Amino acid sequence: MAEADHPPVEGWTPPTALERQRILNRSRSVAVVGASANLARASYFVLTYLLSSSTDFEVYPVNPRSAGSEILGRPVYASLADLPVTPDIVDVFRRAEDLPSAADEAVAVGAPVFWAQLGLWSPQAAERCVAAGLEVVMDRCLKIEHARFHGGLHLSGFDTGVISSRRSFRH
């Protein structure tokens, strides 16, 4: 669904590409809410990227059901309040109906950026964050955005070498 297809949010406009790039450039820590050790989950894929040499982020997996365990060698925290730092970005992998409570938690810990992953949109979450002074990004993948601005789209198969939008057929 394109941003234009989402319901509008009072007092908020989706950040431009330049604004998203500025957010990523000034950020040093990311809390991944809804982190999973399941290799098939998008959050695992994004964690793998964020922990790679492609980024300099400090990464904090957050998942109450996995608290006390580790994902990719990082301790998993039950909540944002349990983190040893205030994250610069709260990157959320939860159902859309869970975004308002994730937004409340981000506001409570004083995180400057609330980022809802690709496919996630919540006017209520955005309004709560904007009212508290947070920057909001929704329906964008942090991994894709970081890679696009930092020359990493070739990683993990994103750069296919195909310039045309036409499909290649082989006989």
N, C-alpha and C. Protein backbone atom coordinates (compact mmCIF):
# COMPACT_ATOMS: atom_id res chain seq x y z
N MET A 1 0.84 -1.17 0.00
CA MET A 1 0.00 0.00 0.00
C MET A 1 0.90 1.24 0.00
N ALA A 2 0.67 2.15 -0.89
CA ALA A 2 1.45 3.37 -0.96
C ALA A 2 1.03 4.33 0.14
N GLU A 3 1.94 5.23 0.52
CA GLU A 3 1.63 6.18 1.58
C GLU A 3 0.34 6.95 1.30
N ALA A 4 0.10 7.26 0.03
CA ALA A 4 -1.10 8.00 -0.33
C ALA A 4 -2.37 7.21 -0.04
N ASP A 5 -2.26 5.88 0.05
CA ASP A 5 -3.40 5.02 0.32
C ASP A 5 -3.73 4.90 1.80
N HIS A 6 -2.86 5.38 2.66
CA HIS A 6 -3.08 5.30 4.10
C HIS A 6 -3.96 6.45 4.57
N PRO A 7 -4.68 6.24 5.66
CA PRO A 7 -5.45 7.36 6.22
C PRO A 7 -4.51 8.46 6.70
N PRO A 8 -4.90 9.71 6.54
CA PRO A 8 -4.03 10.81 6.99
C PRO A 8 -3.91 10.83 8.51
N VAL A 9 -2.85 11.47 8.96
CA VAL A 9 -2.59 11.61 10.38
C VAL A 9 -2.58 13.09 10.71
N GLU A 10 -3.41 13.47 11.65
CA GLU A 10 -3.51 14.87 12.06
C GLU A 10 -2.16 15.38 12.56
N GLY A 11 -1.64 16.45 11.95
CA GLY A 11 -0.42 17.08 12.43
C GLY A 11 0.88 16.40 12.04
N TRP A 12 0.80 15.42 11.11
CA TRP A 12 2.01 14.69 10.71
C TRP A 12 2.01 14.45 9.21
N THR A 13 3.18 14.62 8.64
CA THR A 13 3.40 14.31 7.23
C THR A 13 4.54 13.31 7.17
N PRO A 14 4.43 12.27 6.35
CA PRO A 14 5.54 11.32 6.26
C PRO A 14 6.84 12.04 5.91
N PRO A 15 7.93 11.67 6.57
CA PRO A 15 9.20 12.34 6.30
C PRO A 15 9.69 12.05 4.88
N THR A 16 10.32 13.04 4.28
CA THR A 16 10.89 12.88 2.95
C THR A 16 12.10 11.96 3.03
N ALA A 17 12.60 11.58 1.87
CA ALA A 17 13.81 10.75 1.83
C ALA A 17 14.96 11.44 2.53
N LEU A 18 15.13 12.73 2.32
CA LEU A 18 16.21 13.47 2.97
C LEU A 18 16.03 13.49 4.49
N GLU A 19 14.80 13.65 4.94
CA GLU A 19 14.55 13.64 6.39
C GLU A 19 14.83 12.25 6.99
N ARG A 20 14.46 11.19 6.28
CA ARG A 20 14.76 9.83 6.76
C ARG A 20 16.27 9.61 6.79
N GLN A 21 16.97 10.10 5.79
CA GLN A 21 18.43 9.97 5.77
C GLN A 21 19.05 10.70 6.96
N ARG A 22 18.56 11.88 7.28
CA ARG A 22 19.08 12.63 8.43
C ARG A 22 18.82 11.88 9.74
N ILE A 23 17.65 11.28 9.86
CA ILE A 23 17.35 10.49 11.06
C ILE A 23 18.38 9.38 11.22
N LEU A 24 18.61 8.64 10.15
CA LEU A 24 19.55 7.52 10.20
C LEU A 24 20.98 7.99 10.45
N ASN A 25 21.37 9.10 9.85
CA ASN A 25 22.74 9.59 10.01
C ASN A 25 23.06 10.04 11.42
N ARG A 26 22.08 10.56 12.12
CA ARG A 26 22.36 11.07 13.47
C ARG A 26 22.09 10.03 14.57
N SER A 27 21.49 8.92 14.19
CA SER A 27 21.12 7.90 15.17
C SER A 27 22.27 6.91 15.39
N ARG A 28 22.41 6.48 16.64
CA ARG A 28 23.48 5.54 17.00
C ARG A 28 22.94 4.25 17.60
N SER A 29 21.70 4.27 18.11
CA SER A 29 21.16 3.07 18.74
C SER A 29 19.74 2.80 18.25
N VAL A 30 19.43 1.50 18.11
CA VAL A 30 18.12 1.08 17.63
C VAL A 30 17.59 -0.02 18.54
N ALA A 31 16.39 0.17 19.04
CA ALA A 31 15.68 -0.88 19.75
C ALA A 31 14.72 -1.52 18.76
N VAL A 32 14.81 -2.83 18.59
CA VAL A 32 13.94 -3.55 17.66
C VAL A 32 12.85 -4.23 18.48
N VAL A 33 11.68 -3.61 18.50
CA VAL A 33 10.54 -4.11 19.27
C VAL A 33 9.82 -5.17 18.44
N GLY A 34 9.69 -6.36 19.01
CA GLY A 34 9.13 -7.48 18.28
C GLY A 34 10.22 -8.31 17.63
N ALA A 35 11.43 -8.16 18.14
CA ALA A 35 12.56 -8.94 17.61
C ALA A 35 12.28 -10.43 17.76
N SER A 36 12.75 -11.19 16.78
CA SER A 36 12.51 -12.63 16.80
C SER A 36 13.77 -13.39 16.42
N ALA A 37 13.94 -14.56 17.03
CA ALA A 37 15.05 -15.44 16.68
C ALA A 37 14.67 -16.35 15.52
N ASN A 38 13.45 -16.23 15.01
CA ASN A 38 12.97 -17.03 13.89
C ASN A 38 13.56 -16.47 12.60
N LEU A 39 14.38 -17.25 11.93
CA LEU A 39 15.06 -16.82 10.72
C LEU A 39 14.10 -16.39 9.62
N ALA A 40 12.86 -16.84 9.65
CA ALA A 40 11.88 -16.50 8.62
C ALA A 40 11.21 -15.16 8.87
N ARG A 41 11.42 -14.57 10.02
CA ARG A 41 10.78 -13.29 10.35
C ARG A 41 11.58 -12.11 9.83
N ALA A 42 10.85 -11.08 9.40
CA ALA A 42 11.51 -9.87 8.91
C ALA A 42 12.37 -9.23 9.98
N SER A 43 11.94 -9.28 11.23
CA SER A 43 12.72 -8.66 12.30
C SER A 43 14.09 -9.32 12.44
N TYR A 44 14.18 -10.63 12.22
CA TYR A 44 15.47 -11.32 12.28
C TYR A 44 16.38 -10.85 11.15
N PHE A 45 15.82 -10.73 9.98
CA PHE A 45 16.57 -10.27 8.81
C PHE A 45 17.11 -8.85 9.05
N VAL A 46 16.26 -7.98 9.58
CA VAL A 46 16.68 -6.60 9.85
C VAL A 46 17.73 -6.58 10.95
N LEU A 47 17.55 -7.37 12.01
CA LEU A 47 18.56 -7.47 13.07
C LEU A 47 19.91 -7.90 12.50
N THR A 48 19.89 -8.89 11.63
CA THR A 48 21.12 -9.37 11.01
C THR A 48 21.83 -8.24 10.28
N TYR A 49 21.08 -7.48 9.53
CA TYR A 49 21.65 -6.34 8.80
C TYR A 49 22.19 -5.28 9.76
N LEU A 50 21.38 -4.92 10.76
CA LEU A 50 21.79 -3.86 11.68
C LEU A 50 23.04 -4.22 12.47
N LEU A 51 23.25 -5.52 12.69
CA LEU A 51 24.42 -5.98 13.43
C LEU A 51 25.63 -6.25 12.52
N SER A 52 25.44 -6.11 11.23
CA SER A 52 26.52 -6.37 10.28
C SER A 52 27.49 -5.19 10.23
N SER A 53 28.54 -5.38 9.49
CA SER A 53 29.53 -4.31 9.34
C SER A 53 29.00 -3.17 8.48
N SER A 54 27.78 -3.30 7.95
CA SER A 54 27.19 -2.24 7.14
C SER A 54 26.70 -1.06 7.97
N THR A 55 26.53 -1.27 9.29
CA THR A 55 26.04 -0.20 10.15
C THR A 55 26.92 -0.07 11.39
N ASP A 56 26.80 1.06 12.04
CA ASP A 56 27.50 1.29 13.31
C ASP A 56 26.52 1.36 14.48
N PHE A 57 25.31 0.85 14.29
CA PHE A 57 24.29 0.95 15.32
C PHE A 57 24.56 0.02 16.50
N GLU A 58 24.22 0.50 17.70
CA GLU A 58 24.07 -0.36 18.86
C GLU A 58 22.64 -0.89 18.74
N VAL A 59 22.46 -2.19 18.82
CA VAL A 59 21.15 -2.79 18.56
C VAL A 59 20.66 -3.52 19.81
N TYR A 60 19.39 -3.29 20.15
CA TYR A 60 18.79 -3.87 21.34
C TYR A 60 17.49 -4.58 20.97
N PRO A 61 17.50 -5.93 20.91
CA PRO A 61 16.25 -6.65 20.67
C PRO A 61 15.31 -6.53 21.87
N VAL A 62 14.03 -6.31 21.59
CA VAL A 62 13.02 -6.19 22.63
C VAL A 62 11.85 -7.12 22.30
N ASN A 63 11.58 -8.06 23.23
CA ASN A 63 10.46 -8.97 23.06
C ASN A 63 10.18 -9.60 24.42
N PRO A 64 9.04 -9.29 25.03
CA PRO A 64 8.76 -9.80 26.38
C PRO A 64 8.75 -11.32 26.46
N ARG A 65 8.36 -12.01 25.39
CA ARG A 65 8.32 -13.48 25.41
C ARG A 65 9.71 -14.11 25.31
N SER A 66 10.68 -13.35 24.83
CA SER A 66 12.04 -13.88 24.68
C SER A 66 13.03 -13.23 25.65
N ALA A 67 12.52 -12.39 26.55
CA ALA A 67 13.40 -11.68 27.49
C ALA A 67 14.26 -12.67 28.26
N GLY A 68 15.53 -12.30 28.43
CA GLY A 68 16.47 -13.15 29.14
C GLY A 68 17.24 -14.09 28.22
N SER A 69 16.78 -14.24 26.99
CA SER A 69 17.51 -15.06 26.02
C SER A 69 18.39 -14.15 25.16
N GLU A 70 18.95 -14.70 24.11
CA GLU A 70 19.75 -13.90 23.18
C GLU A 70 19.28 -14.14 21.76
N ILE A 71 19.41 -13.11 20.95
CA ILE A 71 19.20 -13.21 19.51
C ILE A 71 20.45 -12.65 18.86
N LEU A 72 21.08 -13.47 18.03
CA LEU A 72 22.31 -13.08 17.35
C LEU A 72 23.37 -12.57 18.32
N GLY A 73 23.42 -13.20 19.49
CA GLY A 73 24.42 -12.84 20.49
C GLY A 73 24.11 -11.61 21.31
N ARG A 74 22.93 -11.04 21.12
CA ARG A 74 22.51 -9.85 21.87
C ARG A 74 21.45 -10.23 22.88
N PRO A 75 21.54 -9.70 24.10
CA PRO A 75 20.49 -10.00 25.09
C PRO A 75 19.16 -9.39 24.66
N VAL A 76 18.09 -10.13 24.92
CA VAL A 76 16.75 -9.67 24.60
C VAL A 76 16.13 -9.07 25.86
N TYR A 77 15.56 -7.88 25.70
CA TYR A 77 14.94 -7.16 26.81
C TYR A 77 13.42 -7.28 26.74
N ALA A 78 12.78 -7.24 27.91
CA ALA A 78 11.32 -7.38 27.98
C ALA A 78 10.59 -6.14 27.48
N SER A 79 11.20 -4.97 27.68
CA SER A 79 10.54 -3.72 27.29
C SER A 79 11.58 -2.64 27.05
N LEU A 80 11.14 -1.55 26.47
CA LEU A 80 12.05 -0.42 26.26
C LEU A 80 12.56 0.14 27.58
N ALA A 81 11.73 0.08 28.61
CA ALA A 81 12.12 0.58 29.93
C ALA A 81 13.28 -0.22 30.52
N ASP A 82 13.46 -1.45 30.07
CA ASP A 82 14.52 -2.31 30.59
C ASP A 82 15.87 -2.12 29.90
N LEU A 83 15.90 -1.35 28.83
CA LEU A 83 17.15 -1.14 28.10
C LEU A 83 18.15 -0.34 28.93
N PRO A 84 19.45 -0.57 28.72
CA PRO A 84 20.47 0.18 29.44
C PRO A 84 20.67 1.60 28.89
N VAL A 85 20.03 1.91 27.75
CA VAL A 85 20.13 3.23 27.12
C VAL A 85 18.75 3.65 26.64
N THR A 86 18.63 4.93 26.32
CA THR A 86 17.45 5.39 25.60
C THR A 86 17.78 5.28 24.12
N PRO A 87 17.06 4.45 23.39
CA PRO A 87 17.41 4.26 21.98
C PRO A 87 17.09 5.50 21.14
N ASP A 88 17.90 5.73 20.13
CA ASP A 88 17.64 6.84 19.20
C ASP A 88 16.45 6.52 18.31
N ILE A 89 16.30 5.25 17.94
CA ILE A 89 15.18 4.82 17.10
C ILE A 89 14.52 3.61 17.76
N VAL A 90 13.20 3.65 17.84
CA VAL A 90 12.42 2.49 18.26
C VAL A 90 11.80 1.95 16.97
N ASP A 91 12.33 0.82 16.50
CA ASP A 91 11.91 0.18 15.25
C ASP A 91 10.93 -0.93 15.60
N VAL A 92 9.68 -0.80 15.16
CA VAL A 92 8.62 -1.68 15.65
C VAL A 92 8.18 -2.71 14.61
N PHE A 93 8.24 -3.97 15.02
CA PHE A 93 7.72 -5.11 14.27
C PHE A 93 6.60 -5.73 15.10
N ARG A 94 5.45 -5.13 15.07
CA ARG A 94 4.29 -5.64 15.81
C ARG A 94 3.08 -5.48 14.90
N ARG A 95 1.97 -6.06 15.29
CA ARG A 95 0.74 -5.87 14.51
C ARG A 95 0.32 -4.40 14.60
N ALA A 96 -0.38 -3.94 13.58
CA ALA A 96 -0.80 -2.54 13.54
C ALA A 96 -1.59 -2.14 14.78
N GLU A 97 -2.42 -3.04 15.28
CA GLU A 97 -3.23 -2.71 16.47
C GLU A 97 -2.38 -2.57 17.73
N ASP A 98 -1.14 -3.07 17.69
CA ASP A 98 -0.23 -2.94 18.83
C ASP A 98 0.63 -1.67 18.77
N LEU A 99 0.58 -0.96 17.66
CA LEU A 99 1.44 0.22 17.51
C LEU A 99 1.16 1.33 18.52
N PRO A 100 -0.10 1.63 18.85
CA PRO A 100 -0.31 2.69 19.86
C PRO A 100 0.37 2.39 21.20
N SER A 101 0.31 1.14 21.67
CA SER A 101 0.98 0.84 22.95
C SER A 101 2.49 0.90 22.79
N ALA A 102 3.02 0.50 21.64
CA ALA A 102 4.46 0.62 21.39
C ALA A 102 4.86 2.10 21.34
N ALA A 103 3.99 2.91 20.78
CA ALA A 103 4.25 4.36 20.73
C ALA A 103 4.27 4.94 22.14
N ASP A 104 3.33 4.52 22.98
CA ASP A 104 3.30 5.00 24.36
C ASP A 104 4.59 4.64 25.09
N GLU A 105 5.09 3.44 24.85
CA GLU A 105 6.33 3.00 25.49
C GLU A 105 7.52 3.82 24.98
N ALA A 106 7.55 4.10 23.68
CA ALA A 106 8.62 4.92 23.11
C ALA A 106 8.60 6.33 23.70
N VAL A 107 7.42 6.88 23.84
CA VAL A 107 7.27 8.21 24.45
C VAL A 107 7.74 8.17 25.90
N ALA A 108 7.35 7.15 26.64
CA ALA A 108 7.68 7.04 28.06
C ALA A 108 9.18 6.99 28.32
N VAL A 109 9.94 6.35 27.41
CA VAL A 109 11.39 6.26 27.62
C VAL A 109 12.15 7.44 27.02
N GLY A 110 11.44 8.31 26.29
CA GLY A 110 12.09 9.49 25.73
C GLY A 110 12.84 9.26 24.43
N ALA A 111 12.47 8.22 23.69
CA ALA A 111 13.11 7.97 22.40
C ALA A 111 12.74 9.09 21.42
N PRO A 112 13.68 9.57 20.63
CA PRO A 112 13.36 10.67 19.71
C PRO A 112 12.67 10.24 18.41
N VAL A 113 12.76 8.94 18.05
CA VAL A 113 12.19 8.49 16.77
C VAL A 113 11.40 7.20 16.97
N PHE A 114 10.18 7.20 16.44
CA PHE A 114 9.32 6.02 16.40
C PHE A 114 9.24 5.59 14.94
N TRP A 115 9.65 4.33 14.65
CA TRP A 115 9.72 3.84 13.28
C TRP A 115 8.88 2.57 13.18
N ALA A 116 7.79 2.61 12.42
CA ALA A 116 6.95 1.44 12.20
C ALA A 116 7.36 0.80 10.88
N GLN A 117 7.62 -0.48 10.91
CA GLN A 117 8.17 -1.19 9.76
C GLN A 117 7.23 -1.24 8.57
N LEU A 118 7.78 -1.70 7.47
CA LEU A 118 7.08 -1.82 6.20
C LEU A 118 5.74 -2.52 6.40
N GLY A 119 4.69 -1.91 5.88
CA GLY A 119 3.35 -2.47 6.00
C GLY A 119 2.59 -2.04 7.24
N LEU A 120 3.25 -1.30 8.14
CA LEU A 120 2.60 -0.89 9.39
C LEU A 120 2.26 0.59 9.36
N TRP A 121 1.01 0.89 9.75
CA TRP A 121 0.52 2.26 9.73
C TRP A 121 -0.49 2.41 10.85
N SER A 122 -0.32 3.43 11.68
CA SER A 122 -1.28 3.66 12.77
C SER A 122 -1.39 5.15 13.04
N PRO A 123 -2.51 5.76 12.61
CA PRO A 123 -2.70 7.18 12.92
C PRO A 123 -2.65 7.46 14.42
N GLN A 124 -3.19 6.55 15.24
CA GLN A 124 -3.19 6.76 16.69
C GLN A 124 -1.77 6.79 17.23
N ALA A 125 -0.94 5.86 16.81
CA ALA A 125 0.45 5.83 17.27
C ALA A 125 1.18 7.08 16.83
N ALA A 126 1.00 7.47 15.58
CA ALA A 126 1.68 8.66 15.06
C ALA A 126 1.24 9.92 15.81
N GLU A 127 -0.05 10.05 16.05
CA GLU A 127 -0.55 11.23 16.77
C GLU A 127 0.02 11.31 18.18
N ARG A 128 0.10 10.18 18.87
CA ARG A 128 0.66 10.16 20.23
C ARG A 128 2.13 10.55 20.22
N CYS A 129 2.86 10.04 19.24
CA CYS A 129 4.29 10.36 19.15
C CYS A 129 4.52 11.82 18.78
N VAL A 130 3.79 12.30 17.80
CA VAL A 130 3.93 13.69 17.37
C VAL A 130 3.59 14.64 18.52
N ALA A 131 2.54 14.33 19.26
CA ALA A 131 2.14 15.16 20.40
C ALA A 131 3.24 15.23 21.46
N ALA A 132 4.05 14.17 21.55
CA ALA A 132 5.15 14.12 22.53
C ALA A 132 6.47 14.62 21.94
N GLY A 133 6.46 15.02 20.67
CA GLY A 133 7.67 15.57 20.06
C GLY A 133 8.58 14.57 19.36
N LEU A 134 8.11 13.34 19.17
CA LEU A 134 8.92 12.34 18.46
C LEU A 134 8.78 12.51 16.96
N GLU A 135 9.83 12.15 16.24
CA GLU A 135 9.73 12.03 14.80
C GLU A 135 9.14 10.66 14.52
N VAL A 136 8.35 10.57 13.44
CA VAL A 136 7.65 9.33 13.13
C VAL A 136 7.91 8.94 11.68
N VAL A 137 8.26 7.66 11.51
CA VAL A 137 8.37 7.05 10.18
C VAL A 137 7.48 5.82 10.22
N MET A 138 6.61 5.68 9.22
CA MET A 138 5.74 4.50 9.16
C MET A 138 5.79 3.90 7.76
N ASP A 139 5.55 2.59 7.73
CA ASP A 139 5.49 1.84 6.48
C ASP A 139 6.78 1.96 5.68
N ARG A 140 7.90 1.91 6.40
CA ARG A 140 9.24 1.94 5.78
C ARG A 140 10.12 0.94 6.52
N CYS A 141 10.93 0.21 5.77
CA CYS A 141 11.87 -0.72 6.37
C CYS A 141 13.17 0.01 6.70
N LEU A 142 13.56 -0.03 7.95
CA LEU A 142 14.79 0.64 8.38
C LEU A 142 16.00 0.08 7.64
N LYS A 143 16.03 -1.23 7.42
CA LYS A 143 17.14 -1.86 6.71
C LYS A 143 17.23 -1.35 5.28
N ILE A 144 16.10 -1.33 4.58
CA ILE A 144 16.08 -0.86 3.20
C ILE A 144 16.46 0.60 3.13
N GLU A 145 15.93 1.41 4.03
CA GLU A 145 16.24 2.84 4.03
C GLU A 145 17.72 3.08 4.31
N HIS A 146 18.27 2.37 5.30
CA HIS A 146 19.70 2.55 5.61
C HIS A 146 20.54 2.12 4.41
N ALA A 147 20.23 0.97 3.84
CA ALA A 147 21.00 0.47 2.71
C ALA A 147 20.92 1.41 1.52
N ARG A 148 19.78 1.98 1.30
CA ARG A 148 19.62 2.88 0.15
C ARG A 148 20.47 4.13 0.31
N PHE A 149 20.60 4.64 1.51
CA PHE A 149 21.38 5.86 1.74
C PHE A 149 22.86 5.60 1.96
N HIS A 150 23.21 4.36 2.24
CA HIS A 150 24.60 4.06 2.56
C HIS A 150 25.22 3.03 1.61
N GLY A 151 24.65 2.90 0.43
CA GLY A 151 25.24 2.05 -0.59
C GLY A 151 25.16 0.57 -0.32
N GLY A 152 24.18 0.13 0.45
CA GLY A 152 24.11 -1.27 0.81
C GLY A 152 23.01 -2.06 0.14
N LEU A 153 22.38 -1.53 -0.89
CA LEU A 153 21.29 -2.27 -1.51
C LEU A 153 21.77 -3.51 -2.25
N HIS A 154 23.06 -3.63 -2.46
CA HIS A 154 23.60 -4.83 -3.08
C HIS A 154 23.62 -6.02 -2.12
N LEU A 155 23.51 -5.74 -0.82
CA LEU A 155 23.56 -6.82 0.17
C LEU A 155 22.26 -7.60 0.16
N SER A 156 22.36 -8.87 0.37
CA SER A 156 21.21 -9.77 0.51
C SER A 156 20.30 -9.78 -0.71
N GLY A 157 20.87 -9.59 -1.88
CA GLY A 157 20.11 -9.78 -3.10
C GLY A 157 19.27 -8.62 -3.56
N PHE A 158 19.43 -7.43 -3.01
CA PHE A 158 18.61 -6.33 -3.47
C PHE A 158 19.08 -5.77 -4.81
N ASP A 159 20.36 -5.85 -5.10
CA ASP A 159 20.86 -5.35 -6.37
C ASP A 159 20.98 -6.52 -7.33
N THR A 160 20.03 -6.64 -8.22
CA THR A 160 20.00 -7.77 -9.14
C THR A 160 20.80 -7.50 -10.40
N GLY A 161 21.22 -6.26 -10.61
CA GLY A 161 21.94 -5.91 -11.81
C GLY A 161 21.00 -5.62 -12.98
N VAL A 162 19.71 -5.79 -12.78
CA VAL A 162 18.73 -5.55 -13.83
C VAL A 162 18.33 -4.08 -13.79
N ILE A 163 18.51 -3.41 -14.91
CA ILE A 163 18.16 -2.00 -14.99
C ILE A 163 16.75 -1.82 -15.52
N SER A 164 16.33 -2.69 -16.39
CA SER A 164 15.01 -2.61 -16.99
C SER A 164 13.95 -3.11 -16.02
N SER A 165 12.74 -2.63 -16.20
CA SER A 165 11.62 -3.14 -15.40
C SER A 165 10.98 -4.36 -16.07
N ARG A 166 11.47 -4.71 -17.24
CA ARG A 166 10.94 -5.87 -17.96
C ARG A 166 11.56 -7.15 -17.42
N ARG A 167 10.74 -8.17 -17.35
CA ARG A 167 11.22 -9.48 -16.90
C ARG A 167 12.08 -10.13 -17.96
N SER A 168 13.10 -10.79 -17.52
CA SER A 168 13.97 -11.52 -18.41
C SER A 168 13.46 -12.94 -18.55
N PHE A 169 13.29 -13.41 -19.80
CA PHE A 169 12.83 -14.77 -20.03
C PHE A 169 13.98 -15.57 -20.64
N ARG A 170 14.21 -16.74 -20.09
CA ARG A 170 15.25 -17.63 -20.61
C ARG A 170 14.61 -18.88 -21.15
N HIS A 171 15.06 -19.30 -22.30
CA HIS A 171 14.51 -20.51 -22.89
C HIS A 171 15.47 -21.63 -22.79
